[in-house]
Amino acid sequence: MPRLAATVRSVLLALCALSFSATAIAETGTGEQPKASKRKAKAAKKPSASAGATRPAPALDEQQELAYRKHDLDGDGEISKAEAAGSDLINAFDRFDRNKDGKLNRAEYSRAMSAKAKREAASQ
């Protein structure tokens, strides 16, 4: 029963994320995110020592930064589980959410992309 509740919760979060993206498309008419001035942006957070950050995360390249922004539907600078739903990022979300706050910051996302690149290189 708890597993069913978790599944239902995940589905509801995914639906909320889809609803938000549809609203963003309707507001801009182009599928672009609403202007930053229309929403409050949080300051980028540094991972704390308690978050398990033992080494600096590699910086995001231009393509990874664009992908990060695409996942960050509400523009708060972090990718929530609801925002990750519907992409392959959700499969490893909990593993890369090092501080277990339910969101991926740029450092956590960078580590996830580095791990993905290493897996792909090893499989070739």
N, C-alpha and C. Protein backbone atom coordinates (compact mmCIF):
# COMPACT_ATOMS: atom_id res chain seq x y z
N MET A 1 0.81 -1.19 0.00
CA MET A 1 0.00 0.00 0.00
C MET A 1 0.86 1.27 0.00
N PRO A 2 1.96 1.36 0.81
CA PRO A 2 2.79 2.55 0.77
C PRO A 2 3.41 2.75 -0.62
N ARG A 3 3.71 1.66 -1.30
CA ARG A 3 4.29 1.77 -2.63
C ARG A 3 3.29 2.37 -3.61
N LEU A 4 2.03 2.00 -3.46
CA LEU A 4 0.97 2.54 -4.31
C LEU A 4 0.83 4.04 -4.07
N ALA A 5 0.89 4.44 -2.81
CA ALA A 5 0.78 5.86 -2.47
C ALA A 5 1.94 6.64 -3.08
N ALA A 6 3.13 6.08 -3.04
CA ALA A 6 4.30 6.74 -3.62
C ALA A 6 4.15 6.86 -5.14
N THR A 7 3.61 5.85 -5.76
CA THR A 7 3.39 5.87 -7.21
C THR A 7 2.35 6.92 -7.57
N VAL A 8 1.27 6.97 -6.81
CA VAL A 8 0.23 7.96 -7.06
C VAL A 8 0.79 9.37 -6.87
N ARG A 9 1.60 9.56 -5.84
CA ARG A 9 2.22 10.85 -5.58
C ARG A 9 3.12 11.25 -6.75
N SER A 10 3.91 10.31 -7.26
CA SER A 10 4.79 10.60 -8.38
C SER A 10 4.00 10.98 -9.63
N VAL A 11 2.92 10.28 -9.87
CA VAL A 11 2.08 10.59 -11.02
C VAL A 11 1.47 11.99 -10.88
N LEU A 12 1.00 12.32 -9.68
CA LEU A 12 0.42 13.64 -9.46
C LEU A 12 1.46 14.75 -9.64
N LEU A 13 2.68 14.52 -9.16
CA LEU A 13 3.74 15.50 -9.35
C LEU A 13 4.06 15.68 -10.83
N ALA A 14 4.08 14.58 -11.57
CA ALA A 14 4.35 14.66 -13.00
C ALA A 14 3.25 15.45 -13.70
N LEU A 15 2.00 15.22 -13.31
CA LEU A 15 0.89 15.95 -13.91
C LEU A 15 0.98 17.44 -13.59
N CYS A 16 1.39 17.77 -12.37
CA CYS A 16 1.56 19.18 -12.01
C CYS A 16 2.65 19.82 -12.87
N ALA A 17 3.75 19.10 -13.09
CA ALA A 17 4.84 19.63 -13.91
C ALA A 17 4.36 19.85 -15.34
N LEU A 18 3.60 18.91 -15.87
CA LEU A 18 3.07 19.06 -17.22
C LEU A 18 2.11 20.24 -17.30
N SER A 19 1.30 20.40 -16.28
CA SER A 19 0.37 21.51 -16.24
C SER A 19 1.11 22.83 -16.23
N PHE A 20 2.17 22.91 -15.45
CA PHE A 20 2.95 24.14 -15.38
C PHE A 20 3.59 24.46 -16.72
N SER A 21 4.14 23.45 -17.40
CA SER A 21 4.77 23.70 -18.70
C SER A 21 3.73 24.15 -19.72
N ALA A 22 2.52 23.59 -19.65
CA ALA A 22 1.47 24.02 -20.57
C ALA A 22 1.09 25.47 -20.30
N THR A 23 1.08 25.86 -19.03
CA THR A 23 0.79 27.24 -18.67
C THR A 23 1.88 28.17 -19.20
N ALA A 24 3.13 27.76 -19.09
CA ALA A 24 4.24 28.57 -19.58
C ALA A 24 4.14 28.74 -21.09
N ILE A 25 3.77 27.70 -21.79
CA ILE A 25 3.61 27.78 -23.24
C ILE A 25 2.47 28.72 -23.58
N ALA A 26 1.38 28.61 -22.85
CA ALA A 26 0.22 29.47 -23.11
C ALA A 26 0.55 30.94 -22.84
N GLU A 27 1.35 31.21 -21.80
CA GLU A 27 1.68 32.59 -21.46
C GLU A 27 2.59 33.23 -22.49
N THR A 28 3.57 32.47 -22.99
CA THR A 28 4.54 33.04 -23.91
C THR A 28 4.16 32.80 -25.35
N GLY A 29 3.39 31.75 -25.61
CA GLY A 29 2.98 31.43 -26.97
C GLY A 29 4.07 30.75 -27.78
N THR A 30 5.25 30.57 -27.19
CA THR A 30 6.36 29.98 -27.93
C THR A 30 6.94 28.76 -27.27
N GLY A 31 6.52 28.44 -26.09
CA GLY A 31 7.11 27.32 -25.36
C GLY A 31 8.30 27.75 -24.52
N GLU A 32 8.65 29.05 -24.59
CA GLU A 32 9.76 29.55 -23.78
C GLU A 32 9.28 29.78 -22.35
N GLN A 33 10.21 29.80 -21.43
CA GLN A 33 9.88 30.08 -20.05
C GLN A 33 9.47 31.54 -19.92
N PRO A 34 8.58 31.87 -18.96
CA PRO A 34 8.23 33.26 -18.71
C PRO A 34 9.47 34.06 -18.35
N LYS A 35 9.45 35.36 -18.58
CA LYS A 35 10.59 36.22 -18.30
C LYS A 35 11.00 36.11 -16.83
N ALA A 36 12.31 36.17 -16.60
CA ALA A 36 12.83 36.05 -15.24
C ALA A 36 12.29 37.15 -14.34
N SER A 37 12.01 38.32 -14.91
CA SER A 37 11.49 39.41 -14.09
C SER A 37 10.10 39.12 -13.56
N LYS A 38 9.40 38.15 -14.16
CA LYS A 38 8.05 37.83 -13.72
C LYS A 38 8.05 36.82 -12.57
N ARG A 39 9.17 36.29 -12.27
CA ARG A 39 9.22 35.32 -11.17
C ARG A 39 10.47 35.56 -10.34
N LYS A 40 10.41 35.16 -9.12
CA LYS A 40 11.56 35.34 -8.24
C LYS A 40 12.55 34.22 -8.49
N ALA A 41 13.79 34.58 -8.65
CA ALA A 41 14.84 33.59 -8.84
C ALA A 41 15.60 33.42 -7.53
N LYS A 42 15.80 32.20 -7.17
CA LYS A 42 16.59 31.94 -5.96
C LYS A 42 18.07 32.05 -6.29
N ALA A 43 18.84 32.46 -5.32
CA ALA A 43 20.27 32.51 -5.51
C ALA A 43 20.81 31.09 -5.60
N ALA A 44 21.83 30.89 -6.42
CA ALA A 44 22.41 29.56 -6.56
C ALA A 44 23.00 29.14 -5.22
N LYS A 45 22.71 27.92 -4.84
CA LYS A 45 23.18 27.42 -3.55
C LYS A 45 24.45 26.61 -3.75
N LYS A 46 25.37 26.79 -2.84
CA LYS A 46 26.56 25.96 -2.85
C LYS A 46 26.27 24.71 -2.05
N PRO A 47 26.77 23.55 -2.49
CA PRO A 47 26.54 22.36 -1.67
C PRO A 47 27.31 22.49 -0.36
N SER A 48 26.67 22.14 0.72
CA SER A 48 27.33 22.22 2.02
C SER A 48 28.18 20.99 2.25
N ALA A 49 29.04 21.07 3.24
CA ALA A 49 29.88 19.93 3.57
C ALA A 49 29.02 18.75 4.01
N SER A 50 27.90 19.04 4.64
CA SER A 50 27.02 17.97 5.09
C SER A 50 26.28 17.32 3.93
N ALA A 51 26.31 17.95 2.75
CA ALA A 51 25.63 17.40 1.58
C ALA A 51 26.46 16.31 0.93
N GLY A 52 27.64 16.04 1.45
CA GLY A 52 28.46 14.97 0.90
C GLY A 52 29.33 15.43 -0.26
N ALA A 53 29.49 16.72 -0.43
CA ALA A 53 30.31 17.23 -1.52
C ALA A 53 31.78 17.09 -1.14
N THR A 54 32.43 16.05 -1.64
CA THR A 54 33.81 15.81 -1.29
C THR A 54 34.77 16.37 -2.33
N ARG A 55 34.26 16.62 -3.54
CA ARG A 55 35.09 17.21 -4.59
C ARG A 55 34.21 18.14 -5.40
N PRO A 56 34.82 19.12 -6.00
CA PRO A 56 34.00 20.04 -6.79
C PRO A 56 33.40 19.33 -7.99
N ALA A 57 32.17 19.68 -8.29
CA ALA A 57 31.49 19.10 -9.45
C ALA A 57 32.04 19.76 -10.71
N PRO A 58 32.14 18.98 -11.78
CA PRO A 58 32.58 19.59 -13.04
C PRO A 58 31.56 20.62 -13.51
N ALA A 59 32.04 21.65 -14.14
CA ALA A 59 31.15 22.70 -14.64
C ALA A 59 30.31 22.16 -15.79
N LEU A 60 29.13 22.70 -15.95
CA LEU A 60 28.26 22.31 -17.06
C LEU A 60 28.74 22.98 -18.34
N ASP A 61 28.82 22.19 -19.42
CA ASP A 61 29.13 22.82 -20.70
C ASP A 61 27.86 23.48 -21.23
N GLU A 62 27.97 24.13 -22.37
CA GLU A 62 26.85 24.90 -22.90
C GLU A 62 25.61 24.03 -23.15
N GLN A 63 25.83 22.84 -23.72
CA GLN A 63 24.71 21.94 -24.01
C GLN A 63 24.06 21.44 -22.72
N GLN A 64 24.88 21.11 -21.72
CA GLN A 64 24.34 20.65 -20.44
C GLN A 64 23.59 21.76 -19.72
N GLU A 65 24.07 22.99 -19.82
CA GLU A 65 23.40 24.12 -19.20
C GLU A 65 22.02 24.34 -19.82
N LEU A 66 21.94 24.22 -21.14
CA LEU A 66 20.65 24.34 -21.82
C LEU A 66 19.69 23.24 -21.38
N ALA A 67 20.21 22.01 -21.25
CA ALA A 67 19.38 20.89 -20.80
C ALA A 67 18.92 21.12 -19.35
N TYR A 68 19.81 21.66 -18.52
CA TYR A 68 19.47 21.95 -17.13
C TYR A 68 18.32 22.95 -17.08
N ARG A 69 18.43 24.02 -17.86
CA ARG A 69 17.38 25.04 -17.89
C ARG A 69 16.07 24.48 -18.43
N LYS A 70 16.16 23.56 -19.38
CA LYS A 70 14.96 22.94 -19.95
C LYS A 70 14.22 22.14 -18.88
N HIS A 71 14.97 21.44 -18.02
CA HIS A 71 14.36 20.66 -16.95
C HIS A 71 13.81 21.55 -15.84
N ASP A 72 14.43 22.70 -15.62
CA ASP A 72 14.04 23.62 -14.54
C ASP A 72 12.83 24.45 -15.00
N LEU A 73 11.66 23.84 -14.96
CA LEU A 73 10.45 24.45 -15.51
C LEU A 73 10.03 25.74 -14.80
N ASP A 74 10.22 25.80 -13.49
CA ASP A 74 9.78 27.01 -12.78
C ASP A 74 10.88 28.06 -12.64
N GLY A 75 12.07 27.76 -13.14
CA GLY A 75 13.14 28.75 -13.16
C GLY A 75 13.72 29.10 -11.80
N ASP A 76 13.58 28.21 -10.82
CA ASP A 76 14.10 28.52 -9.48
C ASP A 76 15.57 28.14 -9.31
N GLY A 77 16.20 27.64 -10.37
CA GLY A 77 17.62 27.28 -10.29
C GLY A 77 17.87 25.86 -9.83
N GLU A 78 16.82 25.09 -9.59
CA GLU A 78 16.95 23.70 -9.17
C GLU A 78 15.91 22.86 -9.91
N ILE A 79 16.21 21.58 -10.06
CA ILE A 79 15.28 20.66 -10.73
C ILE A 79 14.61 19.80 -9.67
N SER A 80 13.30 19.96 -9.53
CA SER A 80 12.55 19.15 -8.56
C SER A 80 12.23 17.80 -9.17
N LYS A 81 11.76 16.89 -8.34
CA LYS A 81 11.38 15.57 -8.82
C LYS A 81 10.24 15.69 -9.83
N ALA A 82 9.31 16.57 -9.59
CA ALA A 82 8.19 16.77 -10.51
C ALA A 82 8.70 17.26 -11.87
N GLU A 83 9.70 18.15 -11.84
CA GLU A 83 10.26 18.65 -13.09
C GLU A 83 11.05 17.57 -13.83
N ALA A 84 11.64 16.65 -13.09
CA ALA A 84 12.42 15.57 -13.71
C ALA A 84 11.53 14.45 -14.24
N ALA A 85 10.29 14.39 -13.76
CA ALA A 85 9.37 13.34 -14.22
C ALA A 85 9.17 13.49 -15.72
N GLY A 86 9.13 12.37 -16.39
CA GLY A 86 8.94 12.39 -17.83
C GLY A 86 10.25 12.41 -18.60
N SER A 87 11.35 12.40 -17.91
CA SER A 87 12.66 12.31 -18.58
C SER A 87 13.45 11.18 -17.93
N ASP A 88 14.55 10.80 -18.55
CA ASP A 88 15.35 9.73 -17.98
C ASP A 88 16.08 10.18 -16.71
N LEU A 89 16.07 11.45 -16.43
CA LEU A 89 16.69 11.98 -15.22
C LEU A 89 16.02 11.44 -13.96
N ILE A 90 14.74 11.15 -14.04
CA ILE A 90 14.00 10.66 -12.87
C ILE A 90 14.52 9.31 -12.39
N ASN A 91 15.06 8.51 -13.30
CA ASN A 91 15.52 7.16 -12.93
C ASN A 91 16.62 7.17 -11.87
N ALA A 92 17.48 8.16 -11.91
CA ALA A 92 18.59 8.22 -10.95
C ALA A 92 18.49 9.44 -10.04
N PHE A 93 17.34 10.05 -9.98
CA PHE A 93 17.17 11.30 -9.24
C PHE A 93 17.61 11.16 -7.78
N ASP A 94 17.10 10.15 -7.10
CA ASP A 94 17.41 10.00 -5.67
C ASP A 94 18.88 9.73 -5.43
N ARG A 95 19.53 9.03 -6.36
CA ARG A 95 20.95 8.72 -6.19
C ARG A 95 21.79 9.99 -6.27
N PHE A 96 21.42 10.91 -7.15
CA PHE A 96 22.23 12.12 -7.33
C PHE A 96 21.79 13.29 -6.47
N ASP A 97 20.65 13.19 -5.82
CA ASP A 97 20.22 14.23 -4.88
C ASP A 97 20.98 14.02 -3.58
N ARG A 98 22.21 14.49 -3.54
CA ARG A 98 23.12 14.17 -2.45
C ARG A 98 22.69 14.73 -1.11
N ASN A 99 22.06 15.91 -1.11
CA ASN A 99 21.64 16.48 0.17
C ASN A 99 20.19 16.12 0.51
N LYS A 100 19.57 15.29 -0.32
CA LYS A 100 18.23 14.73 -0.07
C LYS A 100 17.18 15.81 0.20
N ASP A 101 17.27 16.92 -0.56
CA ASP A 101 16.27 17.98 -0.41
C ASP A 101 15.16 17.88 -1.45
N GLY A 102 15.20 16.83 -2.27
CA GLY A 102 14.16 16.64 -3.28
C GLY A 102 14.37 17.48 -4.53
N LYS A 103 15.56 18.08 -4.66
CA LYS A 103 15.87 18.91 -5.82
C LYS A 103 17.31 18.65 -6.24
N LEU A 104 17.58 18.82 -7.54
CA LEU A 104 18.95 18.73 -8.04
C LEU A 104 19.44 20.14 -8.33
N ASN A 105 20.54 20.52 -7.67
CA ASN A 105 21.16 21.79 -8.00
C ASN A 105 22.15 21.56 -9.15
N ARG A 106 22.83 22.58 -9.61
CA ARG A 106 23.73 22.42 -10.75
C ARG A 106 24.86 21.44 -10.47
N ALA A 107 25.39 21.44 -9.26
CA ALA A 107 26.48 20.53 -8.92
C ALA A 107 26.00 19.08 -8.97
N GLU A 108 24.83 18.82 -8.42
CA GLU A 108 24.28 17.46 -8.43
C GLU A 108 23.95 17.03 -9.86
N TYR A 109 23.40 17.94 -10.64
CA TYR A 109 23.08 17.65 -12.04
C TYR A 109 24.36 17.36 -12.83
N SER A 110 25.39 18.14 -12.57
CA SER A 110 26.67 17.96 -13.24
C SER A 110 27.25 16.57 -12.96
N ARG A 111 27.17 16.15 -11.70
CA ARG A 111 27.65 14.80 -11.35
C ARG A 111 26.83 13.72 -12.06
N ALA A 112 25.52 13.94 -12.16
CA ALA A 112 24.67 12.97 -12.84
C ALA A 112 25.05 12.87 -14.32
N MET A 113 25.31 14.00 -14.95
CA MET A 113 25.67 13.99 -16.37
C MET A 113 27.05 13.36 -16.58
N SER A 114 27.98 13.60 -15.65
CA SER A 114 29.31 12.98 -15.75
C SER A 114 29.21 11.47 -15.61
N ALA A 115 28.39 11.01 -14.68
CA ALA A 115 28.20 9.57 -14.50
C ALA A 115 27.56 8.95 -15.74
N LYS A 116 26.60 9.66 -16.32
CA LYS A 116 25.94 9.16 -17.53
C LYS A 116 26.94 9.04 -18.68
N ALA A 117 27.80 10.05 -18.83
CA ALA A 117 28.81 10.03 -19.89
C ALA A 117 29.79 8.87 -19.69
N LYS A 118 30.18 8.62 -18.45
CA LYS A 118 31.09 7.52 -18.17
C LYS A 118 30.44 6.17 -18.50
N ARG A 119 29.15 6.02 -18.13
CA ARG A 119 28.44 4.76 -18.45
C ARG A 119 28.36 4.55 -19.96
N GLU A 120 28.05 5.62 -20.68
CA GLU A 120 27.94 5.52 -22.14
C GLU A 120 29.27 5.20 -22.78
N ALA A 121 30.36 5.78 -22.27
CA ALA A 121 31.69 5.51 -22.81
C ALA A 121 32.12 4.07 -22.53
N ALA A 122 31.74 3.57 -21.36
CA ALA A 122 32.11 2.20 -20.99
C ALA A 122 31.34 1.17 -21.80
N SER A 123 30.15 1.53 -22.25
CA SER A 123 29.33 0.57 -23.00
C SER A 123 29.73 0.49 -24.48
N GLN A 124 30.60 1.38 -24.92
CA GLN A 124 31.00 1.38 -26.34
C GLN A 124 32.20 0.55 -26.59
